Amino acid sequence: MTVNWSVTGLERSTDTDTVFKVIYGLELVVDGDQKYTLTDCEYTVDGENTIPFENLTPEICLGWVRDGLGSEGIAEREAYIDSLYTPYVGQSDTLPTNWPT
């Protein structure tokens, strides 16, 4: 199981050209298959962000999120997305292979 974090959006002040909110998502991947995604999670950046908008990278923005959440917050989010999948382990919604498709 792997949880991938990604930036899906940014909100910025055009007055200061700095980001004040990071919109991020998590994707749960099991055995190479995407199982669940959480989108539109939001993190408000503290006032110490002075990196100009054009100089930002996804790694910088995810760093803000992860630093702000701390190890406990990260673990809680990853446990939550895992909890969405775990009840269905061992279940299948496929049809027998001899049925017409």
PDB file of N, CA and C in Angstrom:
ATOM      1  N   MET A   1       0.845  -1.181   0.000  1.00  0.00           N
ATOM      2  CA  MET A   1       0.000   0.000   0.000  1.00  0.00           C
ATOM      3  C   MET A   1       0.890   1.244   0.000  1.00  0.00           C
ATOM      4  N   THR A   2       0.540   2.177  -0.850  1.00  0.00           N
ATOM      5  CA  THR A   2       1.259   3.439  -0.929  1.00  0.00           C
ATOM      6  C   THR A   2       0.246   4.580  -0.914  1.00  0.00           C
ATOM      7  N   VAL A   3       0.543   5.621  -0.179  1.00  0.00           N
ATOM      8  CA  VAL A   3      -0.284   6.830  -0.208  1.00  0.00           C
ATOM      9  C   VAL A   3       0.540   7.919  -0.877  1.00  0.00           C
ATOM     10  N   ASN A   4       0.029   8.403  -2.005  1.00  0.00           N
ATOM     11  CA  ASN A   4       0.690   9.483  -2.738  1.00  0.00           C
ATOM     12  C   ASN A   4      -0.015  10.799  -2.427  1.00  0.00           C
ATOM     13  N   TRP A   5       0.775  11.811  -2.143  1.00  0.00           N
ATOM     14  CA  TRP A   5       0.269  13.150  -1.867  1.00  0.00           C
ATOM     15  C   TRP A   5       0.532  14.023  -3.088  1.00  0.00           C
ATOM     16  N   SER A   6      -0.425  14.899  -3.430  1.00  0.00           N
ATOM     17  CA  SER A   6      -0.224  15.802  -4.560  1.00  0.00           C
ATOM     18  C   SER A   6      -0.917  17.137  -4.303  1.00  0.00           C
ATOM     19  N   VAL A   7      -0.405  18.159  -4.944  1.00  0.00           N
ATOM     20  CA  VAL A   7      -1.023  19.485  -4.893  1.00  0.00           C
ATOM     21  C   VAL A   7      -2.017  19.559  -6.044  1.00  0.00           C
ATOM     22  N   THR A   8      -3.263  19.915  -5.728  1.00  0.00           N
ATOM     23  CA  THR A   8      -4.283  20.014  -6.767  1.00  0.00           C
ATOM     24  C   THR A   8      -4.699  21.457  -7.041  1.00  0.00           C
ATOM     25  N   GLY A   9      -4.244  22.378  -6.208  1.00  0.00           N
ATOM     26  CA  GLY A   9      -4.564  23.780  -6.422  1.00  0.00           C
ATOM     27  C   GLY A   9      -3.871  24.666  -5.409  1.00  0.00           C
ATOM     28  N   LEU A  10      -3.827  25.943  -5.732  1.00  0.00           N
ATOM     29  CA  LEU A  10      -3.226  26.943  -4.843  1.00  0.00           C
ATOM     30  C   LEU A  10      -4.098  28.187  -4.863  1.00  0.00           C
ATOM     31  N   GLU A  11      -4.204  28.827  -3.725  1.00  0.00           N
ATOM     32  CA  GLU A  11      -4.840  30.141  -3.667  1.00  0.00           C
ATOM     33  C   GLU A  11      -3.774  31.131  -3.250  1.00  0.00           C
ATOM     34  N   ARG A  12      -3.721  32.260  -3.953  1.00  0.00           N
ATOM     35  CA  ARG A  12      -2.669  33.236  -3.660  1.00  0.00           C
ATOM     36  C   ARG A  12      -3.206  34.644  -3.614  1.00  0.00           C
ATOM     37  N   SER A  13      -2.464  35.465  -2.941  1.00  0.00           N
ATOM     38  CA  SER A  13      -2.751  36.890  -2.893  1.00  0.00           C
ATOM     39  C   SER A  13      -2.032  37.544  -4.060  1.00  0.00           C
ATOM     40  N   THR A  14      -2.775  38.244  -4.892  1.00  0.00           N
ATOM     41  CA  THR A  14      -2.127  38.943  -6.000  1.00  0.00           C
ATOM     42  C   THR A  14      -1.396  40.188  -5.513  1.00  0.00           C
ATOM     43  N   ASP A  15      -1.769  40.677  -4.323  1.00  0.00           N
ATOM     44  CA  ASP A  15      -1.078  41.838  -3.762  1.00  0.00           C
ATOM     45  C   ASP A  15       0.354  41.496  -3.360  1.00  0.00           C
ATOM     46  N   THR A  16       0.516  40.340  -2.730  1.00  0.00           N
ATOM     47  CA  THR A  16       1.841  39.945  -2.237  1.00  0.00           C
ATOM     48  C   THR A  16       2.497  38.866  -3.094  1.00  0.00           C
ATOM     49  N   ASP A  17       1.739  38.307  -4.057  1.00  0.00           N
ATOM     50  CA  ASP A  17       2.218  37.243  -4.936  1.00  0.00           C
ATOM     51  C   ASP A  17       2.681  36.020  -4.148  1.00  0.00           C
ATOM     52  N   THR A  18       2.005  35.755  -3.026  1.00  0.00           N
ATOM     53  CA  THR A  18       2.350  34.584  -2.217  1.00  0.00           C
ATOM     54  C   THR A  18       1.101  33.721  -1.997  1.00  0.00           C
ATOM     55  N   VAL A  19       1.338  32.455  -1.799  1.00  0.00           N
ATOM     56  CA  VAL A  19       0.263  31.486  -1.600  1.00  0.00           C
ATOM     57  C   VAL A  19      -0.188  31.512  -0.140  1.00  0.00           C
ATOM     58  N   PHE A  20      -1.501  31.494   0.071  1.00  0.00           N
ATOM     59  CA  PHE A  20      -2.024  31.428   1.437  1.00  0.00           C
ATOM     60  C   PHE A  20      -2.794  30.142   1.696  1.00  0.00           C
ATOM     61  N   LYS A  21      -3.094  29.360   0.639  1.00  0.00           N
ATOM     62  CA  LYS A  21      -3.792  28.091   0.846  1.00  0.00           C
ATOM     63  C   LYS A  21      -3.314  27.078  -0.193  1.00  0.00           C
ATOM     64  N   VAL A  22      -3.060  25.853   0.283  1.00  0.00           N
ATOM     65  CA  VAL A  22      -2.689  24.738  -0.588  1.00  0.00           C
ATOM     66  C   VAL A  22      -3.850  23.750  -0.575  1.00  0.00           C
ATOM     67  N   ILE A  23      -4.327  23.412  -1.759  1.00  0.00           N
ATOM     68  CA  ILE A  23      -5.344  22.380  -1.892  1.00  0.00           C
ATOM     69  C   ILE A  23      -4.601  21.121  -2.332  1.00  0.00           C
ATOM     70  N   TYR A  24      -4.789  20.051  -1.574  1.00  0.00           N
ATOM     71  CA  TYR A  24      -4.014  18.849  -1.849  1.00  0.00           C
ATOM     72  C   TYR A  24      -4.909  17.621  -1.841  1.00  0.00           C
ATOM     73  N   GLY A  25      -4.368  16.539  -2.357  1.00  0.00           N
ATOM     74  CA  GLY A  25      -5.105  15.290  -2.389  1.00  0.00           C
ATOM     75  C   GLY A  25      -4.218  14.133  -2.007  1.00  0.00           C
ATOM     76  N   LEU A  26      -4.858  13.039  -1.646  1.00  0.00           N
ATOM     77  CA  LEU A  26      -4.153  11.793  -1.333  1.00  0.00           C
ATOM     78  C   LEU A  26      -4.727  10.695  -2.214  1.00  0.00           C
ATOM     79  N   GLU A  27      -3.864   9.809  -2.641  1.00  0.00           N
ATOM     80  CA  GLU A  27      -4.263   8.682  -3.474  1.00  0.00           C
ATOM     81  C   GLU A  27      -3.725   7.408  -2.837  1.00  0.00           C
ATOM     82  N   LEU A  28      -4.595   6.438  -2.613  1.00  0.00           N
ATOM     83  CA  LEU A  28      -4.187   5.143  -2.079  1.00  0.00           C
ATOM     84  C   LEU A  28      -3.981   4.186  -3.242  1.00  0.00           C
ATOM     85  N   VAL A  29      -2.785   3.608  -3.316  1.00  0.00           N
ATOM     86  CA  VAL A  29      -2.447   2.658  -4.363  1.00  0.00           C
ATOM     87  C   VAL A  29      -2.096   1.335  -3.703  1.00  0.00           C
ATOM     88  N   VAL A  30      -2.752   0.265  -4.142  1.00  0.00           N
ATOM     89  CA  VAL A  30      -2.511  -1.072  -3.619  1.00  0.00           C
ATOM     90  C   VAL A  30      -2.162  -1.974  -4.794  1.00  0.00           C
ATOM     91  N   ASP A  31      -1.010  -2.621  -4.718  1.00  0.00           N
ATOM     92  CA  ASP A  31      -0.542  -3.509  -5.785  1.00  0.00           C
ATOM     93  C   ASP A  31      -0.588  -2.837  -7.148  1.00  0.00           C
ATOM     94  N   GLY A  32      -0.220  -1.584  -7.189  1.00  0.00           N
ATOM     95  CA  GLY A  32      -0.151  -0.837  -8.443  1.00  0.00           C
ATOM     96  C   GLY A  32      -1.470  -0.286  -8.940  1.00  0.00           C
ATOM     97  N   ASP A  33      -2.565  -0.556  -8.251  1.00  0.00           N
ATOM     98  CA  ASP A  33      -3.883  -0.068  -8.659  1.00  0.00           C
ATOM     99  C   ASP A  33      -4.369   1.020  -7.725  1.00  0.00           C
ATOM    100  N   GLN A  34      -4.869   2.104  -8.325  1.00  0.00           N
ATOM    101  CA  GLN A  34      -5.448   3.173  -7.520  1.00  0.00           C
ATOM    102  C   GLN A  34      -6.742   2.670  -6.908  1.00  0.00           C
ATOM    103  N   LYS A  35      -6.882   2.805  -5.597  1.00  0.00           N
ATOM    104  CA  LYS A  35      -8.071   2.327  -4.909  1.00  0.00           C
ATOM    105  C   LYS A  35      -8.974   3.472  -4.444  1.00  0.00           C
ATOM    106  N   TYR A  36      -8.397   4.500  -3.881  1.00  0.00           N
ATOM    107  CA  TYR A  36      -9.174   5.622  -3.385  1.00  0.00           C
ATOM    108  C   TYR A  36      -8.389   6.903  -3.569  1.00  0.00           C
ATOM    109  N   THR A  37      -9.128   7.995  -3.726  1.00  0.00           N
ATOM    110  CA  THR A  37      -8.509   9.315  -3.720  1.00  0.00           C
ATOM    111  C   THR A  37      -9.332  10.228  -2.810  1.00  0.00           C
ATOM    112  N   LEU A  38      -8.630  11.086  -2.137  1.00  0.00           N
ATOM    113  CA  LEU A  38      -9.256  12.173  -1.392  1.00  0.00           C
ATOM    114  C   LEU A  38      -8.812  13.456  -2.071  1.00  0.00           C
ATOM    115  N   THR A  39      -9.748  14.306  -2.394  1.00  0.00           N
ATOM    116  CA  THR A  39      -9.403  15.562  -3.058  1.00  0.00           C
ATOM    117  C   THR A  39      -9.947  16.731  -2.248  1.00  0.00           C
ATOM    118  N   ASP A  40      -9.507  17.881  -2.620  1.00  0.00           N
ATOM    119  CA  ASP A  40      -9.979  19.129  -2.023  1.00  0.00           C
ATOM    120  C   ASP A  40      -9.689  19.249  -0.537  1.00  0.00           C
ATOM    121  N   CYS A  41      -8.622  18.613  -0.071  1.00  0.00           N
ATOM    122  CA  CYS A  41      -8.153  18.850   1.294  1.00  0.00           C
ATOM    123  C   CYS A  41      -7.460  20.214   1.279  1.00  0.00           C
ATOM    124  N   GLU A  42      -7.620  20.980   2.314  1.00  0.00           N
ATOM    125  CA  GLU A  42      -7.054  22.326   2.334  1.00  0.00           C
ATOM    126  C   GLU A  42      -6.123  22.526   3.514  1.00  0.00           C
ATOM    127  N   TYR A  43      -5.070  23.275   3.249  1.00  0.00           N
ATOM    128  CA  TYR A  43      -4.128  23.665   4.302  1.00  0.00           C
ATOM    129  C   TYR A  43      -3.845  25.150   4.150  1.00  0.00           C
ATOM    130  N   THR A  44      -4.057  25.918   5.213  1.00  0.00           N
ATOM    131  CA  THR A  44      -3.770  27.351   5.192  1.00  0.00           C
ATOM    132  C   THR A  44      -2.317  27.554   5.595  1.00  0.00           C
ATOM    133  N   VAL A  45      -1.588  28.232   4.734  1.00  0.00           N
ATOM    134  CA  VAL A  45      -0.153  28.458   4.925  1.00  0.00           C
ATOM    135  C   VAL A  45       0.031  29.575   5.943  1.00  0.00           C
ATOM    136  N   ASP A  46       1.020  29.410   6.823  1.00  0.00           N
ATOM    137  CA  ASP A  46       1.276  30.463   7.807  1.00  0.00           C
ATOM    138  C   ASP A  46       1.821  31.705   7.119  1.00  0.00           C
ATOM    139  N   GLY A  47       1.833  32.804   7.811  1.00  0.00           N
ATOM    140  CA  GLY A  47       2.212  34.091   7.246  1.00  0.00           C
ATOM    141  C   GLY A  47       3.676  34.246   6.896  1.00  0.00           C
ATOM    142  N   GLU A  48       4.482  33.233   7.146  1.00  0.00           N
ATOM    143  CA  GLU A  48       5.909  33.345   6.877  1.00  0.00           C
ATOM    144  C   GLU A  48       6.288  32.929   5.460  1.00  0.00           C
ATOM    145  N   ASN A  49       5.302  32.591   4.640  1.00  0.00           N
ATOM    146  CA  ASN A  49       5.579  32.220   3.255  1.00  0.00           C
ATOM    147  C   ASN A  49       5.982  33.463   2.468  1.00  0.00           C
ATOM    148  N   THR A  50       7.220  33.501   2.053  1.00  0.00           N
ATOM    149  CA  THR A  50       7.680  34.658   1.279  1.00  0.00           C
ATOM    150  C   THR A  50       8.224  34.234  -0.081  1.00  0.00           C
ATOM    151  N   ILE A  51       7.936  33.013  -0.485  1.00  0.00           N
ATOM    152  CA  ILE A  51       8.421  32.532  -1.778  1.00  0.00           C
ATOM    153  C   ILE A  51       7.480  33.034  -2.867  1.00  0.00           C
ATOM    154  N   PRO A  52       8.001  33.740  -3.860  1.00  0.00           N
ATOM    155  CA  PRO A  52       7.143  34.218  -4.948  1.00  0.00           C
ATOM    156  C   PRO A  52       6.434  33.052  -5.641  1.00  0.00           C
ATOM    157  N   PHE A  53       5.228  33.309  -6.075  1.00  0.00           N
ATOM    158  CA  PHE A  53       4.376  32.292  -6.683  1.00  0.00           C
ATOM    159  C   PHE A  53       5.090  31.522  -7.792  1.00  0.00           C
ATOM    160  N   GLU A  54       5.760  32.207  -8.667  1.00  0.00           N
ATOM    161  CA  GLU A  54       6.413  31.567  -9.823  1.00  0.00           C
ATOM    162  C   GLU A  54       7.598  30.689  -9.424  1.00  0.00           C
ATOM    163  N   ASN A  55       8.099  30.832  -8.212  1.00  0.00           N
ATOM    164  CA  ASN A  55       9.241  30.032  -7.761  1.00  0.00           C
ATOM    165  C   ASN A  55       8.831  28.781  -6.978  1.00  0.00           C
ATOM    166  N   LEU A  56       7.529  28.600  -6.797  1.00  0.00           N
ATOM    167  CA  LEU A  56       7.063  27.451  -6.027  1.00  0.00           C
ATOM    168  C   LEU A  56       7.165  26.153  -6.822  1.00  0.00           C
ATOM    169  N   THR A  57       7.317  25.060  -6.090  1.00  0.00           N
ATOM    170  CA  THR A  57       7.283  23.721  -6.678  1.00  0.00           C
ATOM    171  C   THR A  57       6.276  22.900  -5.870  1.00  0.00           C
ATOM    172  N   PRO A  58       5.795  21.797  -6.429  1.00  0.00           N
ATOM    173  CA  PRO A  58       4.911  20.938  -5.637  1.00  0.00           C
ATOM    174  C   PRO A  58       5.579  20.463  -4.340  1.00  0.00           C
ATOM    175  N   GLU A  59       6.873  20.204  -4.397  1.00  0.00           N
ATOM    176  CA  GLU A  59       7.599  19.741  -3.215  1.00  0.00           C
ATOM    177  C   GLU A  59       7.589  20.786  -2.109  1.00  0.00           C
ATOM    178  N   ILE A  60       7.758  22.050  -2.457  1.00  0.00           N
ATOM    179  CA  ILE A  60       7.722  23.120  -1.454  1.00  0.00           C
ATOM    180  C   ILE A  60       6.337  23.188  -0.811  1.00  0.00           C
ATOM    181  N   CYS A  61       5.299  23.167  -1.648  1.00  0.00           N
ATOM    182  CA  CYS A  61       3.931  23.283  -1.136  1.00  0.00           C
ATOM    183  C   CYS A  61       3.551  22.081  -0.272  1.00  0.00           C
ATOM    184  N   LEU A  62       3.917  20.866  -0.703  1.00  0.00           N
ATOM    185  CA  LEU A  62       3.640  19.688   0.118  1.00  0.00           C
ATOM    186  C   LEU A  62       4.466  19.710   1.392  1.00  0.00           C
ATOM    187  N   GLY A  63       5.639  20.310   1.335  1.00  0.00           N
ATOM    188  CA  GLY A  63       6.446  20.482   2.537  1.00  0.00           C
ATOM    189  C   GLY A  63       5.732  21.342   3.563  1.00  0.00           C
ATOM    190  N   TRP A  64       5.084  22.412   3.114  1.00  0.00           N
ATOM    191  CA  TRP A  64       4.305  23.248   4.033  1.00  0.00           C
ATOM    192  C   TRP A  64       3.187  22.438   4.678  1.00  0.00           C
ATOM    193  N   VAL A  65       2.482  21.675   3.840  1.00  0.00           N
ATOM    194  CA  VAL A  65       1.362  20.875   4.346  1.00  0.00           C
ATOM    195  C   VAL A  65       1.865  19.875   5.383  1.00  0.00           C
ATOM    196  N   ARG A  66       2.889  19.120   5.014  1.00  0.00           N
ATOM    197  CA  ARG A  66       3.408  18.080   5.909  1.00  0.00           C
ATOM    198  C   ARG A  66       3.972  18.686   7.202  1.00  0.00           C
ATOM    199  N   ASP A  67       4.707  19.785   7.085  1.00  0.00           N
ATOM    200  CA  ASP A  67       5.241  20.442   8.286  1.00  0.00           C
ATOM    201  C   ASP A  67       4.110  20.925   9.182  1.00  0.00           C
ATOM    202  N   GLY A  68       3.077  21.486   8.569  1.00  0.00           N
ATOM    203  CA  GLY A  68       1.953  22.001   9.343  1.00  0.00           C
ATOM    204  C   GLY A  68       1.144  20.906  10.017  1.00  0.00           C
ATOM    205  N   LEU A  69       0.973  19.787   9.319  1.00  0.00           N
ATOM    206  CA  LEU A  69       0.207  18.678   9.889  1.00  0.00           C
ATOM    207  C   LEU A  69       1.007  17.929  10.945  1.00  0.00           C
ATOM    208  N   GLY A  70       2.312  17.873  10.764  1.00  0.00           N
ATOM    209  CA  GLY A  70       3.153  17.099  11.671  1.00  0.00           C
ATOM    210  C   GLY A  70       2.972  15.608  11.434  1.00  0.00           C
ATOM    211  N   SER A  71       3.813  14.820  12.058  1.00  0.00           N
ATOM    212  CA  SER A  71       3.777  13.373  11.821  1.00  0.00           C
ATOM    213  C   SER A  71       2.444  12.769  12.251  1.00  0.00           C
ATOM    214  N   GLU A  72       1.841  13.293  13.311  1.00  0.00           N
ATOM    215  CA  GLU A  72       0.555  12.768  13.765  1.00  0.00           C
ATOM    216  C   GLU A  72      -0.560  13.063  12.762  1.00  0.00           C
ATOM    217  N   GLY A  73      -0.589  14.280  12.247  1.00  0.00           N
ATOM    218  CA  GLY A  73      -1.605  14.653  11.263  1.00  0.00           C
ATOM    219  C   GLY A  73      -1.455  13.881   9.960  1.00  0.00           C
ATOM    220  N   ILE A  74      -0.213  13.673   9.536  1.00  0.00           N
ATOM    221  CA  ILE A  74       0.043  12.878   8.334  1.00  0.00           C
ATOM    222  C   ILE A  74      -0.450  11.450   8.545  1.00  0.00           C
ATOM    223  N   ALA A  75      -0.099  10.869   9.687  1.00  0.00           N
ATOM    224  CA  ALA A  75      -0.513   9.499   9.991  1.00  0.00           C
ATOM    225  C   ALA A  75      -2.037   9.387  10.046  1.00  0.00           C
ATOM    226  N   GLU A  76      -2.712  10.386  10.604  1.00  0.00           N
ATOM    227  CA  GLU A  76      -4.174  10.361  10.681  1.00  0.00           C
ATOM    228  C   GLU A  76      -4.801  10.354   9.292  1.00  0.00           C
ATOM    229  N   ARG A  77      -4.293  11.182   8.401  1.00  0.00           N
ATOM    230  CA  ARG A  77      -4.857  11.243   7.049  1.00  0.00           C
ATOM    231  C   ARG A  77      -4.598   9.958   6.276  1.00  0.00           C
ATOM    232  N   GLU A  78      -3.382   9.423   6.422  1.00  0.00           N
ATOM    233  CA  GLU A  78      -3.063   8.183   5.720  1.00  0.00           C
ATOM    234  C   GLU A  78      -3.864   7.011   6.299  1.00  0.00           C
ATOM    235  N   ALA A  79      -4.089   7.006   7.601  1.00  0.00           N
ATOM    236  CA  ALA A  79      -4.913   5.953   8.215  1.00  0.00           C
ATOM    237  C   ALA A  79      -6.359   6.076   7.747  1.00  0.00           C
ATOM    238  N   TYR A  80      -6.826   7.307   7.578  1.00  0.00           N
ATOM    239  CA  TYR A  80      -8.205   7.506   7.129  1.00  0.00           C
ATOM    240  C   TYR A  80      -8.412   6.948   5.728  1.00  0.00           C
ATOM    241  N   ILE A  81      -7.531   7.291   4.806  1.00  0.00           N
ATOM    242  CA  ILE A  81      -7.719   6.798   3.436  1.00  0.00           C
ATOM    243  C   ILE A  81      -7.567   5.277   3.402  1.00  0.00           C
ATOM    244  N   ASP A  82      -6.698   4.728   4.221  1.00  0.00           N
ATOM    245  CA  ASP A  82      -6.566   3.274   4.308  1.00  0.00           C
ATOM    246  C   ASP A  82      -7.852   2.657   4.857  1.00  0.00           C
ATOM    247  N   SER A  83      -8.497   3.326   5.804  1.00  0.00           N
ATOM    248  CA  SER A  83      -9.724   2.788   6.404  1.00  0.00           C
ATOM    249  C   SER A  83     -10.865   2.719   5.394  1.00  0.00           C
ATOM    250  N   LEU A  84     -10.806   3.539   4.351  1.00  0.00           N
ATOM    251  CA  LEU A  84     -11.832   3.478   3.316  1.00  0.00           C
ATOM    252  C   LEU A  84     -11.703   2.206   2.487  1.00  0.00           C
ATOM    253  N   TYR A  85     -10.495   1.702   2.370  1.00  0.00           N
ATOM    254  CA  TYR A  85     -10.230   0.521   1.553  1.00  0.00           C
ATOM    255  C   TYR A  85     -10.278  -0.777   2.347  1.00  0.00           C
ATOM    256  N   THR A  86      -9.743  -0.780   3.541  1.00  0.00           N
ATOM    257  CA  THR A  86      -9.563  -1.999   4.330  1.00  0.00           C
ATOM    258  C   THR A  86     -10.828  -2.847   4.479  1.00  0.00           C
ATOM    259  N   PRO A  87     -12.020  -2.274   4.696  1.00  0.00           N
ATOM    260  CA  PRO A  87     -13.205  -3.139   4.850  1.00  0.00           C
ATOM    261  C   PRO A  87     -13.510  -3.988   3.617  1.00  0.00           C
ATOM    262  N   TYR A  88     -12.979  -3.599   2.470  1.00  0.00           N
ATOM    263  CA  TYR A  88     -13.291  -4.299   1.228  1.00  0.00           C
ATOM    264  C   TYR A  88     -12.223  -5.296   0.801  1.00  0.00           C
ATOM    265  N   VAL A  89     -11.168  -5.414   1.579  1.00  0.00           N
ATOM    266  CA  VAL A  89     -10.121  -6.380   1.257  1.00  0.00           C
ATOM    267  C   VAL A  89     -10.739  -7.774   1.284  1.00  0.00           C
ATOM    268  N   GLY A  90     -10.465  -8.545   0.254  1.00  0.00           N
ATOM    269  CA  GLY A  90     -11.006  -9.896   0.174  1.00  0.00           C
ATOM    270  C   GLY A  90     -12.355  -9.966  -0.512  1.00  0.00           C
ATOM    271  N   GLN A  91     -12.882  -8.821  -0.942  1.00  0.00           N
ATOM    272  CA  GLN A  91     -14.140  -8.797  -1.674  1.00  0.00           C
ATOM    273  C   GLN A  91     -13.860  -8.481  -3.130  1.00  0.00           C
ATOM    274  N   SER A  92     -14.751  -8.894  -3.998  1.00  0.00           N
ATOM    275  CA  SER A  92     -14.590  -8.632  -5.419  1.00  0.00           C
ATOM    276  C   SER A  92     -15.943  -8.296  -6.018  1.00  0.00           C
ATOM    277  N   ASP A  93     -15.940  -7.402  -6.983  1.00  0.00           N
ATOM    278  CA  ASP A  93     -17.179  -7.060  -7.670  1.00  0.00           C
ATOM    279  C   ASP A  93     -17.146  -7.495  -9.130  1.00  0.00           C
ATOM    280  N   THR A  94     -16.299  -8.466  -9.442  1.00  0.00           N
ATOM    281  CA  THR A  94     -16.202  -8.937 -10.821  1.00  0.00           C
ATOM    282  C   THR A  94     -17.196 -10.061 -11.075  1.00  0.00           C
ATOM    283  N   LEU A  95     -17.502 -10.272 -12.345  1.00  0.00           N
ATOM    284  CA  LEU A  95     -18.399 -11.337 -12.768  1.00  0.00           C
ATOM    285  C   LEU A  95     -17.567 -12.552 -13.166  1.00  0.00           C
ATOM    286  N   PRO A  96     -18.171 -13.741 -13.184  1.00  0.00           N
ATOM    287  CA  PRO A  96     -17.457 -14.905 -13.665  1.00  0.00           C
ATOM    288  C   PRO A  96     -16.959 -14.683 -15.098  1.00  0.00           C
ATOM    289  N   THR A  97     -15.819 -15.217 -15.397  1.00  0.00           N
ATOM    290  CA  THR A  97     -15.210 -14.962 -16.727  1.00  0.00           C
ATOM    291  C   THR A  97     -16.011 -15.549 -17.870  1.00  0.00           C
ATOM    292  N   ASN A  98     -16.904 -16.523 -17.617  1.00  0.00           N
ATOM    293  CA  ASN A  98     -17.689 -17.106 -18.700  1.00  0.00           C
ATOM    294  C   ASN A  98     -18.971 -16.339 -18.989  1.00  0.00           C
ATOM    295  N   TRP A  99     -19.251 -15.276 -18.253  1.00  0.00           N
ATOM    296  CA  TRP A  99     -20.447 -14.464 -18.515  1.00  0.00           C
ATOM    297  C   TRP A  99     -20.187 -13.527 -19.688  1.00  0.00           C
ATOM    298  N   PRO A 100     -21.216 -13.236 -20.481  1.00  0.00           N
ATOM    299  CA  PRO A 100     -21.012 -12.283 -21.586  1.00  0.00           C
ATOM    300  C   PRO A 100     -20.797 -10.869 -21.038  1.00  0.00           C
ATOM    301  N   THR A 101     -20.007 -10.124 -21.763  1.00  0.00           N
ATOM    302  CA  THR A 101     -19.749  -8.747 -21.334  1.00  0.00           C
ATOM    303  C   THR A 101     -20.420  -7.754 -22.231  1.00  0.00           C
TER     304      THR A 101
END
